[in-house]
Amino acid sequence: MSRVDIYLKGFVLYSKTAIGSVDYEKEISTAKDFESLATKSSFKTIENDELHYLIKRYFSIPRNIGNRFFLKKDYYIRELLKTTPIATFKSELLLLLYGKEELRIRWDRFMAKVKRMDSYNTSILLSYTFPDRYSLWPYKLFHILDKLKIFSSIETDNLKRKYNKASGKDYSRILDFMGSLKNYLQRCNLGKVDYLRTITFIYYLNSKK
């Protein structure tokens, strides 16, 4: 993590500015908003229109799934819900979030059962439900891995190649890195440091040349 030190002082100062504070509060607000709509009980009874609204509000359009590009979010949502029955989506979502098996097993099952799902949107479901346990996995994280030389270039390129349909093992690898980064930030008098705070550090790093 020695390369992190180069940027850490600037991030601590940035976090105490109005803009830096707003960045984190925005992530917190989004997570709380998501949590209010997506409780365990609501997932059990959610209807098609409600699920459509949830996905449209929080998901991003995948870069590419199965050699298919989705230019409009409404089209992506229709394809997602058309290829996966809502009953399957609900049951698999509950297993992903609240199942007792290892995360990598739950992740792989969810990605296999819910067609058209990608890594970033799966990480949204996990991170906004449990921001103390799971991290977002934005594509721009790869730029940071390259910048900080965290993984070998071969491993980073391999993760990039599999990004849309990454395995649970791949996500666990990313989560290990983000967990180490979160622990690193906890020593910096930033108040509460969860994975949402950590992802704001990633966005901060991404803005630096």
Protein backbone atom coordinates (compact mmCIF):
# COMPACT_ATOMS: atom_id res chain seq x y z
CA MET A 1 0.00 0.00 0.00
CA SER A 2 3.04 2.29 -0.10
CA ARG A 3 1.83 3.95 -3.31
CA VAL A 4 -1.42 4.83 -1.58
CA ASP A 5 0.50 7.19 0.72
CA ILE A 6 1.22 9.43 -2.26
CA TYR A 7 -2.47 10.26 -2.56
CA LEU A 8 -3.70 9.72 0.98
CA LYS A 9 -2.84 13.14 2.43
CA GLY A 10 -4.60 14.88 -0.44
CA PHE A 11 -7.67 12.69 -0.02
CA VAL A 12 -7.87 13.40 3.72
CA LEU A 13 -7.81 17.14 2.99
CA TYR A 14 -10.28 16.72 0.13
CA SER A 15 -12.68 14.74 2.37
CA LYS A 16 -12.87 17.68 4.75
CA THR A 17 -13.85 20.13 2.02
CA ALA A 18 -17.47 20.79 1.10
CA ILE A 19 -17.13 18.96 -2.21
CA GLY A 20 -15.41 15.95 -0.65
CA SER A 21 -18.03 15.75 2.06
CA VAL A 22 -20.82 15.92 -0.51
CA ASP A 23 -19.28 13.04 -2.51
CA TYR A 24 -19.45 10.74 0.50
CA GLU A 25 -22.85 11.96 1.64
CA LYS A 26 -24.17 11.32 -1.85
CA GLU A 27 -23.07 7.68 -1.63
CA ILE A 28 -24.59 7.39 1.85
CA SER A 29 -27.85 8.92 0.69
CA THR A 30 -28.06 6.58 -2.30
CA ALA A 31 -27.43 3.54 -0.11
CA LYS A 32 -30.04 4.61 2.45
CA ASP A 33 -32.54 5.34 -0.30
CA PHE A 34 -31.89 1.93 -1.84
CA GLU A 35 -32.17 0.23 1.54
CA SER A 36 -35.54 1.87 2.23
CA LEU A 37 -36.91 0.41 -1.01
CA ALA A 38 -35.10 -2.90 -0.97
CA THR A 39 -35.61 -4.52 2.41
CA LYS A 40 -35.58 -8.26 2.86
CA SER A 41 -39.36 -8.32 3.27
CA SER A 42 -39.97 -6.11 0.23
CA PHE A 43 -37.83 -8.34 -1.98
CA LYS A 44 -40.12 -11.24 -1.12
CA THR A 45 -43.21 -9.43 -2.38
CA ILE A 46 -41.84 -7.07 -5.03
CA GLU A 47 -43.86 -6.87 -8.24
CA ASN A 48 -42.64 -6.45 -11.80
CA ASP A 49 -43.29 -2.69 -11.95
CA GLU A 50 -41.53 -2.12 -8.63
CA LEU A 51 -38.54 -4.17 -9.71
CA HIS A 52 -38.41 -2.27 -12.99
CA TYR A 53 -38.33 1.01 -11.04
CA LEU A 54 -35.61 -0.25 -8.68
CA ILE A 55 -33.38 -1.40 -11.53
CA LYS A 56 -33.93 1.77 -13.56
CA ARG A 57 -33.10 3.99 -10.62
CA TYR A 58 -29.93 2.27 -9.40
CA PHE A 59 -28.48 0.05 -12.10
CA SER A 60 -26.10 1.08 -14.85
CA ILE A 61 -26.31 -0.14 -18.43
CA PRO A 62 -23.77 -2.98 -18.78
CA ARG A 63 -20.88 -2.41 -21.13
CA ASN A 64 -21.50 -5.67 -22.97
CA ILE A 65 -23.28 -8.89 -21.98
CA GLY A 66 -22.97 -11.96 -24.17
CA ASN A 67 -21.84 -9.85 -27.13
CA ARG A 68 -24.96 -7.69 -26.78
CA PHE A 69 -24.76 -3.95 -26.25
CA PHE A 70 -27.57 -2.11 -24.50
CA LEU A 71 -27.82 1.54 -25.50
CA LYS A 72 -30.95 2.37 -23.50
CA LYS A 73 -31.69 1.41 -19.92
CA ASP A 74 -35.37 0.61 -20.54
CA TYR A 75 -34.37 -1.88 -23.23
CA TYR A 76 -31.81 -3.47 -20.93
CA ILE A 77 -34.39 -3.81 -18.14
CA ARG A 78 -36.93 -5.41 -20.50
CA GLU A 79 -34.31 -7.91 -21.64
CA LEU A 80 -33.24 -8.62 -18.06
CA LEU A 81 -36.79 -9.28 -16.85
CA LYS A 82 -37.76 -11.12 -20.03
CA THR A 83 -34.92 -13.63 -19.74
CA THR A 84 -35.31 -14.16 -15.99
CA PRO A 85 -38.79 -14.71 -14.48
CA ILE A 86 -39.48 -12.32 -11.62
CA ALA A 87 -39.96 -15.23 -9.20
CA THR A 88 -36.47 -16.48 -10.07
CA PHE A 89 -35.00 -12.99 -9.77
CA LYS A 90 -36.51 -12.53 -6.30
CA SER A 91 -35.48 -15.93 -4.96
CA GLU A 92 -31.93 -15.64 -6.32
CA LEU A 93 -31.60 -12.09 -5.04
CA LEU A 94 -32.57 -13.19 -1.53
CA LEU A 95 -30.02 -16.01 -1.70
CA LEU A 96 -27.32 -13.59 -2.92
CA LEU A 97 -27.93 -11.12 -0.10
CA TYR A 98 -28.98 -13.34 2.78
CA GLY A 99 -27.83 -16.86 1.90
CA LYS A 100 -25.57 -18.79 4.26
CA GLU A 101 -23.09 -20.07 1.69
CA GLU A 102 -19.78 -18.39 0.93
CA LEU A 103 -20.07 -15.16 -1.03
CA ARG A 104 -18.28 -16.53 -4.08
CA ILE A 105 -20.82 -19.37 -4.31
CA ARG A 106 -23.79 -17.02 -3.92
CA TRP A 107 -22.31 -14.65 -6.50
CA ASP A 108 -21.73 -17.39 -9.08
CA ARG A 109 -25.22 -18.78 -8.61
CA PHE A 110 -26.83 -15.35 -8.98
CA MET A 111 -24.86 -14.51 -12.12
CA ALA A 112 -25.75 -17.88 -13.64
CA LYS A 113 -29.45 -17.77 -12.79
CA VAL A 114 -30.15 -14.09 -13.57
CA LYS A 115 -29.44 -13.64 -17.25
CA ARG A 116 -28.13 -10.28 -18.50
CA MET A 117 -26.75 -9.48 -15.04
CA ASP A 118 -23.24 -8.02 -14.88
CA SER A 119 -20.59 -7.61 -12.19
CA TYR A 120 -21.09 -3.93 -11.43
CA ASN A 121 -24.84 -4.15 -10.94
CA THR A 122 -24.44 -7.25 -8.79
CA SER A 123 -21.98 -5.32 -6.64
CA ILE A 124 -24.57 -2.51 -6.34
CA LEU A 125 -27.06 -4.93 -4.82
CA LEU A 126 -24.48 -6.12 -2.30
CA SER A 127 -22.85 -2.80 -1.43
CA TYR A 128 -25.97 -0.66 -1.08
CA THR A 129 -27.59 -3.34 1.08
CA PHE A 130 -24.50 -3.97 3.25
CA PRO A 131 -22.03 -1.05 2.84
CA ASP A 132 -19.97 -2.27 5.80
CA ARG A 133 -19.41 -5.67 4.20
CA TYR A 134 -19.32 -5.30 0.43
CA SER A 135 -17.88 -2.87 -2.09
CA LEU A 136 -18.99 -1.49 -5.41
CA TRP A 137 -16.88 -2.67 -8.32
CA PRO A 138 -16.85 0.13 -10.94
CA TYR A 139 -14.91 -0.40 -14.15
CA LYS A 140 -12.76 2.65 -13.37
CA LEU A 141 -11.24 0.64 -10.50
CA PHE A 142 -8.98 -1.00 -13.08
CA HIS A 143 -7.33 2.35 -13.74
CA ILE A 144 -6.49 2.53 -10.04
CA LEU A 145 -5.13 -1.01 -9.96
CA ASP A 146 -2.83 -0.03 -12.84
CA LYS A 147 -1.86 3.26 -11.19
CA LEU A 148 -1.05 1.73 -7.80
CA LYS A 149 0.44 -1.48 -9.24
CA ILE A 150 -1.68 -3.50 -6.80
CA PHE A 151 -2.04 -6.56 -9.01
CA SER A 152 0.21 -7.79 -11.78
CA SER A 153 -0.63 -6.42 -15.21
CA ILE A 154 -1.59 -9.96 -16.26
CA GLU A 155 -4.09 -10.32 -13.42
CA THR A 156 -5.54 -6.85 -14.00
CA ASP A 157 -5.97 -7.54 -17.72
CA ASN A 158 -7.60 -10.88 -16.94
CA LEU A 159 -10.08 -9.23 -14.58
CA LYS A 160 -10.84 -6.58 -17.21
CA ARG A 161 -11.51 -9.24 -19.81
CA LYS A 162 -13.96 -11.08 -17.54
CA TYR A 163 -15.43 -7.97 -15.93
CA ASN A 164 -19.03 -8.17 -17.12
CA LYS A 165 -19.33 -11.81 -16.12
CA ALA A 166 -16.67 -12.05 -13.41
CA SER A 167 -16.77 -14.98 -11.03
CA GLY A 168 -17.35 -14.88 -7.29
CA LYS A 169 -13.65 -15.64 -6.88
CA ASP A 170 -12.82 -12.54 -8.95
CA TYR A 171 -15.13 -10.35 -6.87
CA SER A 172 -13.66 -11.78 -3.66
CA ARG A 173 -10.21 -10.81 -4.94
CA ILE A 174 -11.40 -7.24 -5.52
CA LEU A 175 -13.13 -7.22 -2.13
CA ASP A 176 -9.87 -8.26 -0.44
CA PHE A 177 -8.13 -5.27 -2.02
CA MET A 178 -10.95 -2.87 -1.13
CA GLY A 179 -11.00 -4.26 2.41
CA SER A 180 -7.27 -3.59 2.77
CA LEU A 181 -7.82 -0.08 1.45
CA LYS A 182 -10.70 0.45 3.87
CA ASN A 183 -8.53 -0.66 6.80
CA TYR A 184 -5.82 1.70 5.60
CA LEU A 185 -8.25 4.64 5.52
CA GLN A 186 -9.51 3.86 9.02
CA ARG A 187 -6.21 5.13 10.43
CA CYS A 188 -6.69 8.59 8.96
CA ASN A 189 -9.23 10.29 11.25
CA LEU A 190 -11.93 10.34 8.59
CA GLY A 191 -14.70 9.32 10.96
CA LYS A 192 -16.68 6.31 9.82
CA VAL A 193 -14.94 4.39 7.05
CA ASP A 194 -17.10 1.88 5.23
CA TYR A 195 -16.91 0.67 1.65
CA LEU A 196 -18.80 3.75 0.46
CA ARG A 197 -16.05 5.95 1.88
CA THR A 198 -13.50 3.67 0.24
CA ILE A 199 -15.17 3.99 -3.15
CA THR A 200 -15.02 7.79 -2.87
CA PHE A 201 -11.25 7.36 -2.47
CA ILE A 202 -11.23 5.34 -5.69
CA TYR A 203 -13.12 8.13 -7.48
CA TYR A 204 -10.68 10.65 -6.03
CA LEU A 205 -7.71 8.64 -7.29
CA ASN A 206 -9.33 8.29 -10.67
CA SER A 207 -9.49 12.09 -10.98
CA LYS A 208 -5.73 12.37 -10.49
CA LYS A 209 -3.41 12.03 -13.45
